[in-house]
Amino acid sequence: MSDIESRSGSADEARIRVAVIDDHEMFRTGVISTLQPYFDIVAQAADVEGAEAMIAESRPDVVLLDVHVPGGSGGGGSEILLNAQPLSPDSVFLALSVSDSPQDVGSVIRAGARGYVTKTISGDDLVSSIRQVHEGYAVFSPKLAGFVLSAFQGAPLPSGRHGGDDELDSLSAREQEVMRLIARGYTYKEIAAELFISVKTVETHVSKVLRKLQLSNRNELTRWAADRRLI
């Protein structure tokens, strides 16, 4: 991208008004510094009470939300979501958390978050995620896909298993992760980077998945996963 294109893109993105909620001041400052060239950062907060007041006053387009901010009655990010939505109904929420636990993912999705990404995300990907949720898309870190599916379906959050499906149960937890990413169109290199494993290890997992499911290629795997609403 040329410098002119980059500057033009930044100007467009500045029209999206973003608020940042995180109780770790250094991290919050770093996130704001990363986002400022692209968005209008209208407010920030460090706890539940401050977040709710800030959202009501600033009415941001997108709220970037840590799920474990202190204060309130202990609900953290979910509490902020439930209480703040009536105050600013046009705001959308993107969770940004160090946690990747099924319970945290499920609670904020059910409370109304548009997306959930972990703090290992790159700056460029965070900018892209904010833009996508503002445009109406749901955005999630790939490794959280199974948890999100369970939350949307109202099923108990797992374990990594999808009860009652013997074929899926034949796959290990890591094989299920690889299977979902392959089915969603990720390349071997992208999966290796996402799961912090080698491309060779990805290839080995894919071979095992195809063999266990008695499938021939990734196209068949995608159809198999789509039929089971796993992607």
C-alpha atoms as a PDB file:
ATOM      1  CA  MET A   1       0.000   0.000   0.000  1.00  0.00           C
ATOM      2  CA  SER A   2       1.345   3.455  -0.902  1.00  0.00           C
ATOM      3  CA  ASP A   3       1.795   6.237   1.665  1.00  0.00           C
ATOM      4  CA  ILE A   4      -1.085   8.107   0.016  1.00  0.00           C
ATOM      5  CA  GLU A   5      -3.376   5.068   0.271  1.00  0.00           C
ATOM      6  CA  SER A   6      -2.324   4.548   3.881  1.00  0.00           C
ATOM      7  CA  ARG A   7      -3.091   8.132   4.833  1.00  0.00           C
ATOM      8  CA  SER A   8      -6.402   7.993   2.974  1.00  0.00           C
ATOM      9  CA  GLY A   9      -7.393   4.807   4.807  1.00  0.00           C
ATOM     10  CA  SER A  10      -6.531   6.362   8.153  1.00  0.00           C
ATOM     11  CA  ALA A  11      -8.728   9.352   7.437  1.00  0.00           C
ATOM     12  CA  ASP A  12     -11.669   7.111   6.600  1.00  0.00           C
ATOM     13  CA  GLU A  13     -11.250   5.027   9.715  1.00  0.00           C
ATOM     14  CA  ALA A  14     -11.057   8.151  11.936  1.00  0.00           C
ATOM     15  CA  ARG A  15     -14.795   8.510  11.435  1.00  0.00           C
ATOM     16  CA  ILE A  16     -15.319   5.379  13.550  1.00  0.00           C
ATOM     17  CA  ARG A  17     -15.522   6.479  17.174  1.00  0.00           C
ATOM     18  CA  VAL A  18     -13.891   3.980  19.532  1.00  0.00           C
ATOM     19  CA  ALA A  19     -13.839   3.663  23.337  1.00  0.00           C
ATOM     20  CA  VAL A  20     -11.345   1.435  25.172  1.00  0.00           C
ATOM     21  CA  ILE A  21     -12.084  -0.319  28.481  1.00  0.00           C
ATOM     22  CA  ASP A  22      -9.190  -2.061  30.255  1.00  0.00           C
ATOM     23  CA  ASP A  23      -7.969  -1.867  33.830  1.00  0.00           C
ATOM     24  CA  HIS A  24      -4.279  -2.235  32.919  1.00  0.00           C
ATOM     25  CA  GLU A  25      -3.165   1.319  32.230  1.00  0.00           C
ATOM     26  CA  MET A  26      -0.013   0.448  30.275  1.00  0.00           C
ATOM     27  CA  PHE A  27      -1.869  -1.985  28.033  1.00  0.00           C
ATOM     28  CA  ARG A  28      -4.750   0.457  27.543  1.00  0.00           C
ATOM     29  CA  THR A  29      -2.316   3.214  26.626  1.00  0.00           C
ATOM     30  CA  GLY A  30      -0.575   0.931  24.135  1.00  0.00           C
ATOM     31  CA  VAL A  31      -3.851  -0.074  22.487  1.00  0.00           C
ATOM     32  CA  ILE A  32      -4.956   3.544  22.196  1.00  0.00           C
ATOM     33  CA  SER A  33      -1.600   4.482  20.670  1.00  0.00           C
ATOM     34  CA  THR A  34      -1.995   1.685  18.114  1.00  0.00           C
ATOM     35  CA  LEU A  35      -5.539   2.694  17.183  1.00  0.00           C
ATOM     36  CA  GLN A  36      -5.244   6.492  17.121  1.00  0.00           C
ATOM     37  CA  PRO A  37      -3.910   6.740  13.541  1.00  0.00           C
ATOM     38  CA  TYR A  38      -7.023   4.929  12.314  1.00  0.00           C
ATOM     39  CA  PHE A  39      -9.898   5.833  14.630  1.00  0.00           C
ATOM     40  CA  ASP A  40     -11.265   8.643  16.744  1.00  0.00           C
ATOM     41  CA  ILE A  41     -10.620   7.473  20.330  1.00  0.00           C
ATOM     42  CA  VAL A  42     -13.419   9.217  22.192  1.00  0.00           C
ATOM     43  CA  ALA A  43     -13.100   7.806  25.718  1.00  0.00           C
ATOM     44  CA  GLN A  44     -11.486   5.235  27.977  1.00  0.00           C
ATOM     45  CA  ALA A  45     -12.252   3.578  31.300  1.00  0.00           C
ATOM     46  CA  ALA A  46     -10.683   1.196  33.787  1.00  0.00           C
ATOM     47  CA  ASP A  47     -13.623  -0.290  35.698  1.00  0.00           C
ATOM     48  CA  VAL A  48     -17.301  -1.204  35.398  1.00  0.00           C
ATOM     49  CA  GLU A  49     -18.719   1.996  36.892  1.00  0.00           C
ATOM     50  CA  GLY A  50     -16.456   4.249  34.861  1.00  0.00           C
ATOM     51  CA  ALA A  51     -17.177   2.289  31.694  1.00  0.00           C
ATOM     52  CA  GLU A  52     -20.937   2.585  32.010  1.00  0.00           C
ATOM     53  CA  ALA A  53     -20.769   6.348  32.636  1.00  0.00           C
ATOM     54  CA  MET A  54     -18.288   6.791  29.794  1.00  0.00           C
ATOM     55  CA  ILE A  55     -20.419   4.859  27.281  1.00  0.00           C
ATOM     56  CA  ALA A  56     -23.557   6.796  28.230  1.00  0.00           C
ATOM     57  CA  GLU A  57     -21.756  10.112  27.784  1.00  0.00           C
ATOM     58  CA  SER A  58     -19.619   9.437  24.670  1.00  0.00           C
ATOM     59  CA  ARG A  59     -21.865   6.950  22.807  1.00  0.00           C
ATOM     60  CA  PRO A  60     -19.006   5.399  20.809  1.00  0.00           C
ATOM     61  CA  ASP A  61     -19.503   3.428  17.610  1.00  0.00           C
ATOM     62  CA  VAL A  62     -17.311   0.567  18.861  1.00  0.00           C
ATOM     63  CA  VAL A  63     -16.389  -0.334  22.439  1.00  0.00           C
ATOM     64  CA  LEU A  64     -13.203  -2.359  22.859  1.00  0.00           C
ATOM     65  CA  LEU A  65     -13.777  -4.266  26.074  1.00  0.00           C
ATOM     66  CA  ASP A  66     -11.646  -6.355  28.411  1.00  0.00           C
ATOM     67  CA  VAL A  67     -13.876  -9.046  29.916  1.00  0.00           C
ATOM     68  CA  HIS A  68     -12.306  -8.918  33.388  1.00  0.00           C
ATOM     69  CA  VAL A  69     -12.482  -5.250  34.334  1.00  0.00           C
ATOM     70  CA  PRO A  70     -13.054  -4.751  38.078  1.00  0.00           C
ATOM     71  CA  GLY A  71     -16.041  -3.213  39.830  1.00  0.00           C
ATOM     72  CA  GLY A  72     -19.774  -3.661  39.704  1.00  0.00           C
ATOM     73  CA  SER A  73     -21.314  -6.832  41.030  1.00  0.00           C
ATOM     74  CA  GLY A  74     -18.600  -9.066  39.611  1.00  0.00           C
ATOM     75  CA  GLY A  75     -19.907  -9.537  36.092  1.00  0.00           C
ATOM     76  CA  GLY A  76     -17.052  -7.623  34.471  1.00  0.00           C
ATOM     77  CA  GLY A  77     -17.419  -7.294  30.726  1.00  0.00           C
ATOM     78  CA  SER A  78     -20.790  -9.043  30.620  1.00  0.00           C
ATOM     79  CA  GLU A  79     -22.162  -6.641  33.226  1.00  0.00           C
ATOM     80  CA  ILE A  80     -20.961  -3.641  31.220  1.00  0.00           C
ATOM     81  CA  LEU A  81     -22.574  -5.029  28.072  1.00  0.00           C
ATOM     82  CA  LEU A  82     -25.949  -5.661  29.669  1.00  0.00           C
ATOM     83  CA  ASN A  83     -26.082  -2.325  31.500  1.00  0.00           C
ATOM     84  CA  ALA A  84     -24.603  -0.104  28.781  1.00  0.00           C
ATOM     85  CA  GLN A  85     -26.584  -1.285  25.758  1.00  0.00           C
ATOM     86  CA  PRO A  86     -29.777   0.574  26.793  1.00  0.00           C
ATOM     87  CA  LEU A  87     -27.651   3.693  27.391  1.00  0.00           C
ATOM     88  CA  SER A  88     -26.059   3.594  23.933  1.00  0.00           C
ATOM     89  CA  PRO A  89     -28.017   1.154  21.749  1.00  0.00           C
ATOM     90  CA  ASP A  90     -26.039   1.931  18.581  1.00  0.00           C
ATOM     91  CA  SER A  91     -22.688   0.997  20.136  1.00  0.00           C
ATOM     92  CA  VAL A  92     -21.228  -2.391  19.246  1.00  0.00           C
ATOM     93  CA  PHE A  93     -18.859  -4.294  21.496  1.00  0.00           C
ATOM     94  CA  LEU A  94     -15.670  -6.159  20.671  1.00  0.00           C
ATOM     95  CA  ALA A  95     -14.120  -8.136  23.532  1.00  0.00           C
ATOM     96  CA  LEU A  96     -10.322  -8.018  23.732  1.00  0.00           C
ATOM     97  CA  SER A  97      -9.041 -10.303  26.461  1.00  0.00           C
ATOM     98  CA  VAL A  98      -6.102 -12.381  27.591  1.00  0.00           C
ATOM     99  CA  SER A  99      -8.643 -15.079  28.448  1.00  0.00           C
ATOM    100  CA  ASP A 100      -9.674 -17.726  25.937  1.00  0.00           C
ATOM    101  CA  SER A 101     -11.795 -19.754  28.353  1.00  0.00           C
ATOM    102  CA  PRO A 102     -15.139 -21.101  27.069  1.00  0.00           C
ATOM    103  CA  GLN A 103     -16.945 -19.527  30.021  1.00  0.00           C
ATOM    104  CA  ASP A 104     -15.637 -16.020  29.291  1.00  0.00           C
ATOM    105  CA  VAL A 105     -16.288 -16.316  25.571  1.00  0.00           C
ATOM    106  CA  GLY A 106     -19.803 -17.627  26.102  1.00  0.00           C
ATOM    107  CA  SER A 107     -20.784 -15.057  28.723  1.00  0.00           C
ATOM    108  CA  VAL A 108     -19.862 -11.994  26.672  1.00  0.00           C
ATOM    109  CA  ILE A 109     -21.315 -13.377  23.430  1.00  0.00           C
ATOM    110  CA  ARG A 110     -24.603 -14.125  25.141  1.00  0.00           C
ATOM    111  CA  ALA A 111     -24.526 -10.643  26.700  1.00  0.00           C
ATOM    112  CA  GLY A 112     -24.359  -9.130  23.238  1.00  0.00           C
ATOM    113  CA  ALA A 113     -20.732  -8.694  22.118  1.00  0.00           C
ATOM    114  CA  ARG A 114     -20.280  -8.590  18.339  1.00  0.00           C
ATOM    115  CA  GLY A 115     -16.884 -10.283  18.538  1.00  0.00           C
ATOM    116  CA  TYR A 116     -14.134 -11.687  20.760  1.00  0.00           C
ATOM    117  CA  VAL A 117     -10.391 -11.586  20.080  1.00  0.00           C
ATOM    118  CA  THR A 118      -7.461 -12.394  22.330  1.00  0.00           C
ATOM    119  CA  LYS A 119      -4.645 -10.054  23.292  1.00  0.00           C
ATOM    120  CA  THR A 120      -2.198 -11.993  21.133  1.00  0.00           C
ATOM    121  CA  ILE A 121      -3.810 -10.262  18.126  1.00  0.00           C
ATOM    122  CA  SER A 122      -1.577  -8.037  15.992  1.00  0.00           C
ATOM    123  CA  GLY A 123      -2.188  -4.307  15.705  1.00  0.00           C
ATOM    124  CA  ASP A 124      -3.188  -4.592  12.048  1.00  0.00           C
ATOM    125  CA  ASP A 125      -5.641  -7.395  12.798  1.00  0.00           C
ATOM    126  CA  LEU A 126      -7.158  -5.420  15.685  1.00  0.00           C
ATOM    127  CA  VAL A 127      -7.732  -2.436  13.395  1.00  0.00           C
ATOM    128  CA  SER A 128      -9.355  -4.753  10.867  1.00  0.00           C
ATOM    129  CA  SER A 129     -11.520  -6.395  13.546  1.00  0.00           C
ATOM    130  CA  ILE A 130     -12.835  -3.047  14.753  1.00  0.00           C
ATOM    131  CA  ARG A 131     -13.682  -2.036  11.206  1.00  0.00           C
ATOM    132  CA  GLN A 132     -15.496  -5.336  10.611  1.00  0.00           C
ATOM    133  CA  VAL A 133     -17.653  -5.223  13.738  1.00  0.00           C
ATOM    134  CA  HIS A 134     -18.547  -1.621  12.902  1.00  0.00           C
ATOM    135  CA  GLU A 135     -19.689  -2.830   9.475  1.00  0.00           C
ATOM    136  CA  GLY A 136     -21.929  -5.426  11.100  1.00  0.00           C
ATOM    137  CA  TYR A 137     -19.785  -8.551  10.920  1.00  0.00           C
ATOM    138  CA  ALA A 138     -19.069 -10.935  13.779  1.00  0.00           C
ATOM    139  CA  VAL A 139     -15.335 -11.298  14.436  1.00  0.00           C
ATOM    140  CA  PHE A 140     -13.628 -13.979  16.511  1.00  0.00           C
ATOM    141  CA  SER A 141     -10.132 -15.348  16.946  1.00  0.00           C
ATOM    142  CA  PRO A 142     -10.058 -18.628  14.978  1.00  0.00           C
ATOM    143  CA  LYS A 143      -9.190 -20.753  18.022  1.00  0.00           C
ATOM    144  CA  LEU A 144     -12.410 -19.586  19.683  1.00  0.00           C
ATOM    145  CA  ALA A 145     -14.696 -20.721  16.857  1.00  0.00           C
ATOM    146  CA  GLY A 146     -15.942 -23.843  18.637  1.00  0.00           C
ATOM    147  CA  PHE A 147     -16.759 -21.939  21.824  1.00  0.00           C
ATOM    148  CA  VAL A 148     -18.620 -19.282  19.855  1.00  0.00           C
ATOM    149  CA  LEU A 149     -20.660 -21.867  17.991  1.00  0.00           C
ATOM    150  CA  SER A 150     -21.746 -23.425  21.280  1.00  0.00           C
ATOM    151  CA  ALA A 151     -22.654 -20.032  22.725  1.00  0.00           C
ATOM    152  CA  PHE A 152     -24.807 -19.108  19.729  1.00  0.00           C
ATOM    153  CA  GLN A 153     -26.538 -22.486  19.790  1.00  0.00           C
ATOM    154  CA  GLY A 154     -27.213 -22.184  23.519  1.00  0.00           C
ATOM    155  CA  ALA A 155     -25.371 -25.445  24.128  1.00  0.00           C
ATOM    156  CA  PRO A 156     -23.215 -26.069  27.181  1.00  0.00           C
ATOM    157  CA  LEU A 157     -19.734 -24.747  26.542  1.00  0.00           C
ATOM    158  CA  PRO A 158     -17.319 -27.614  26.059  1.00  0.00           C
ATOM    159  CA  SER A 159     -14.645 -29.493  26.593  1.00  0.00           C
ATOM    160  CA  GLY A 160     -13.940 -29.399  22.861  1.00  0.00           C
ATOM    161  CA  ARG A 161     -16.478 -32.129  22.203  1.00  0.00           C
ATOM    162  CA  HIS A 162     -19.684 -31.847  20.223  1.00  0.00           C
ATOM    163  CA  GLY A 163     -21.874 -34.323  22.024  1.00  0.00           C
ATOM    164  CA  GLY A 164     -23.468 -37.173  20.166  1.00  0.00           C
ATOM    165  CA  ASP A 165     -21.272 -37.028  17.048  1.00  0.00           C
ATOM    166  CA  ASP A 166     -19.070 -40.109  17.041  1.00  0.00           C
ATOM    167  CA  GLU A 167     -17.028 -38.902  14.057  1.00  0.00           C
ATOM    168  CA  LEU A 168     -16.188 -35.603  15.719  1.00  0.00           C
ATOM    169  CA  ASP A 169     -15.514 -37.338  19.016  1.00  0.00           C
ATOM    170  CA  SER A 170     -12.897 -39.444  17.251  1.00  0.00           C
ATOM    171  CA  LEU A 171     -10.774 -36.310  16.765  1.00  0.00           C
ATOM    172  CA  SER A 172      -8.475 -34.962  19.451  1.00  0.00           C
ATOM    173  CA  ALA A 173      -8.957 -31.403  20.667  1.00  0.00           C
ATOM    174  CA  ARG A 174      -6.050 -30.177  18.508  1.00  0.00           C
ATOM    175  CA  GLU A 175      -7.354 -32.079  15.479  1.00  0.00           C
ATOM    176  CA  GLN A 176     -10.726 -30.378  15.962  1.00  0.00           C
ATOM    177  CA  GLU A 177      -9.010 -26.980  16.004  1.00  0.00           C
ATOM    178  CA  VAL A 178      -7.131 -27.770  12.805  1.00  0.00           C
ATOM    179  CA  MET A 179     -10.265 -29.205  11.192  1.00  0.00           C
ATOM    180  CA  ARG A 180     -12.273 -26.029  11.853  1.00  0.00           C
ATOM    181  CA  LEU A 181      -9.534 -23.771  10.492  1.00  0.00           C
ATOM    182  CA  ILE A 182      -9.097 -25.898   7.373  1.00  0.00           C
ATOM    183  CA  ALA A 183     -12.861 -25.883   6.847  1.00  0.00           C
ATOM    184  CA  ARG A 184     -12.886 -22.092   7.133  1.00  0.00           C
ATOM    185  CA  GLY A 185     -10.324 -21.798   4.334  1.00  0.00           C
ATOM    186  CA  TYR A 186      -7.109 -21.179   6.267  1.00  0.00           C
ATOM    187  CA  THR A 187      -3.849 -22.215   4.591  1.00  0.00           C
ATOM    188  CA  TYR A 188      -1.461 -24.593   6.338  1.00  0.00           C
ATOM    189  CA  LYS A 189       0.903 -21.674   6.968  1.00  0.00           C
ATOM    190  CA  GLU A 190      -1.873 -19.562   8.529  1.00  0.00           C
ATOM    191  CA  ILE A 191      -2.949 -22.439  10.772  1.00  0.00           C
ATOM    192  CA  ALA A 192       0.635 -23.008  11.883  1.00  0.00           C
ATOM    193  CA  ALA A 193       0.953 -19.340  12.855  1.00  0.00           C
ATOM    194  CA  GLU A 194      -2.421 -19.297  14.643  1.00  0.00           C
ATOM    195  CA  LEU A 195      -1.760 -22.456  16.688  1.00  0.00           C
ATOM    196  CA  PHE A 196       1.980 -21.899  17.176  1.00  0.00           C
ATOM    197  CA  ILE A 197       2.923 -25.200  15.545  1.00  0.00           C
ATOM    198  CA  SER A 198       4.941 -26.081  12.447  1.00  0.00           C
ATOM    199  CA  VAL A 199       3.499 -26.451   8.959  1.00  0.00           C
ATOM    200  CA  LYS A 200       4.626 -30.090   9.034  1.00  0.00           C
ATOM    201  CA  THR A 201       2.617 -30.674  12.198  1.00  0.00           C
ATOM    202  CA  VAL A 202      -0.425 -29.093  10.551  1.00  0.00           C
ATOM    203  CA  GLU A 203      -0.026 -31.454   7.600  1.00  0.00           C
ATOM    204  CA  THR A 204       0.137 -34.417   9.978  1.00  0.00           C
ATOM    205  CA  HIS A 205      -3.034 -33.323  11.789  1.00  0.00           C
ATOM    206  CA  VAL A 206      -4.896 -32.796   8.518  1.00  0.00           C
ATOM    207  CA  SER A 207      -3.924 -36.268   7.294  1.00  0.00           C
ATOM    208  CA  LYS A 208      -5.197 -37.803  10.537  1.00  0.00           C
ATOM    209  CA  VAL A 209      -8.438 -35.808  10.372  1.00  0.00           C
ATOM    210  CA  LEU A 210      -9.142 -36.874   6.800  1.00  0.00           C
ATOM    211  CA  ARG A 211      -8.357 -40.490   7.598  1.00  0.00           C
ATOM    212  CA  LYS A 212     -10.519 -40.593  10.729  1.00  0.00           C
ATOM    213  CA  LEU A 213     -13.452 -38.929   8.967  1.00  0.00           C
ATOM    214  CA  GLN A 214     -12.929 -41.002   5.804  1.00  0.00           C
ATOM    215  CA  LEU A 215     -12.731 -37.908   3.609  1.00  0.00           C
ATOM    216  CA  SER A 216     -10.527 -37.306   0.580  1.00  0.00           C
ATOM    217  CA  ASN A 217      -9.759 -33.579   0.545  1.00  0.00           C
ATOM    218  CA  ARG A 218     -10.399 -30.218   2.199  1.00  0.00           C
ATOM    219  CA  ASN A 219     -13.466 -29.525   0.040  1.00  0.00           C
ATOM    220  CA  GLU A 220     -15.144 -32.624   1.422  1.00  0.00           C
ATOM    221  CA  LEU A 221     -14.001 -31.607   4.900  1.00  0.00           C
ATOM    222  CA  THR A 222     -15.571 -28.164   4.495  1.00  0.00           C
ATOM    223  CA  ARG A 223     -18.890 -29.700   3.463  1.00  0.00           C
ATOM    224  CA  TRP A 224     -18.707 -32.170   6.349  1.00  0.00           C
ATOM    225  CA  ALA A 225     -18.092 -29.356   8.862  1.00  0.00           C
ATOM    226  CA  ALA A 226     -20.758 -27.108   7.346  1.00  0.00           C
ATOM    227  CA  ASP A 227     -23.361 -29.886   7.561  1.00  0.00           C
ATOM    228  CA  ARG A 228     -22.657 -30.080  11.300  1.00  0.00           C
ATOM    229  CA  ARG A 229     -22.610 -26.280  11.761  1.00  0.00           C
ATOM    230  CA  LEU A 230     -19.026 -26.410  12.966  1.00  0.00           C
ATOM    231  CA  ILE A 231     -17.910 -23.344  10.949  1.00  0.00           C
END
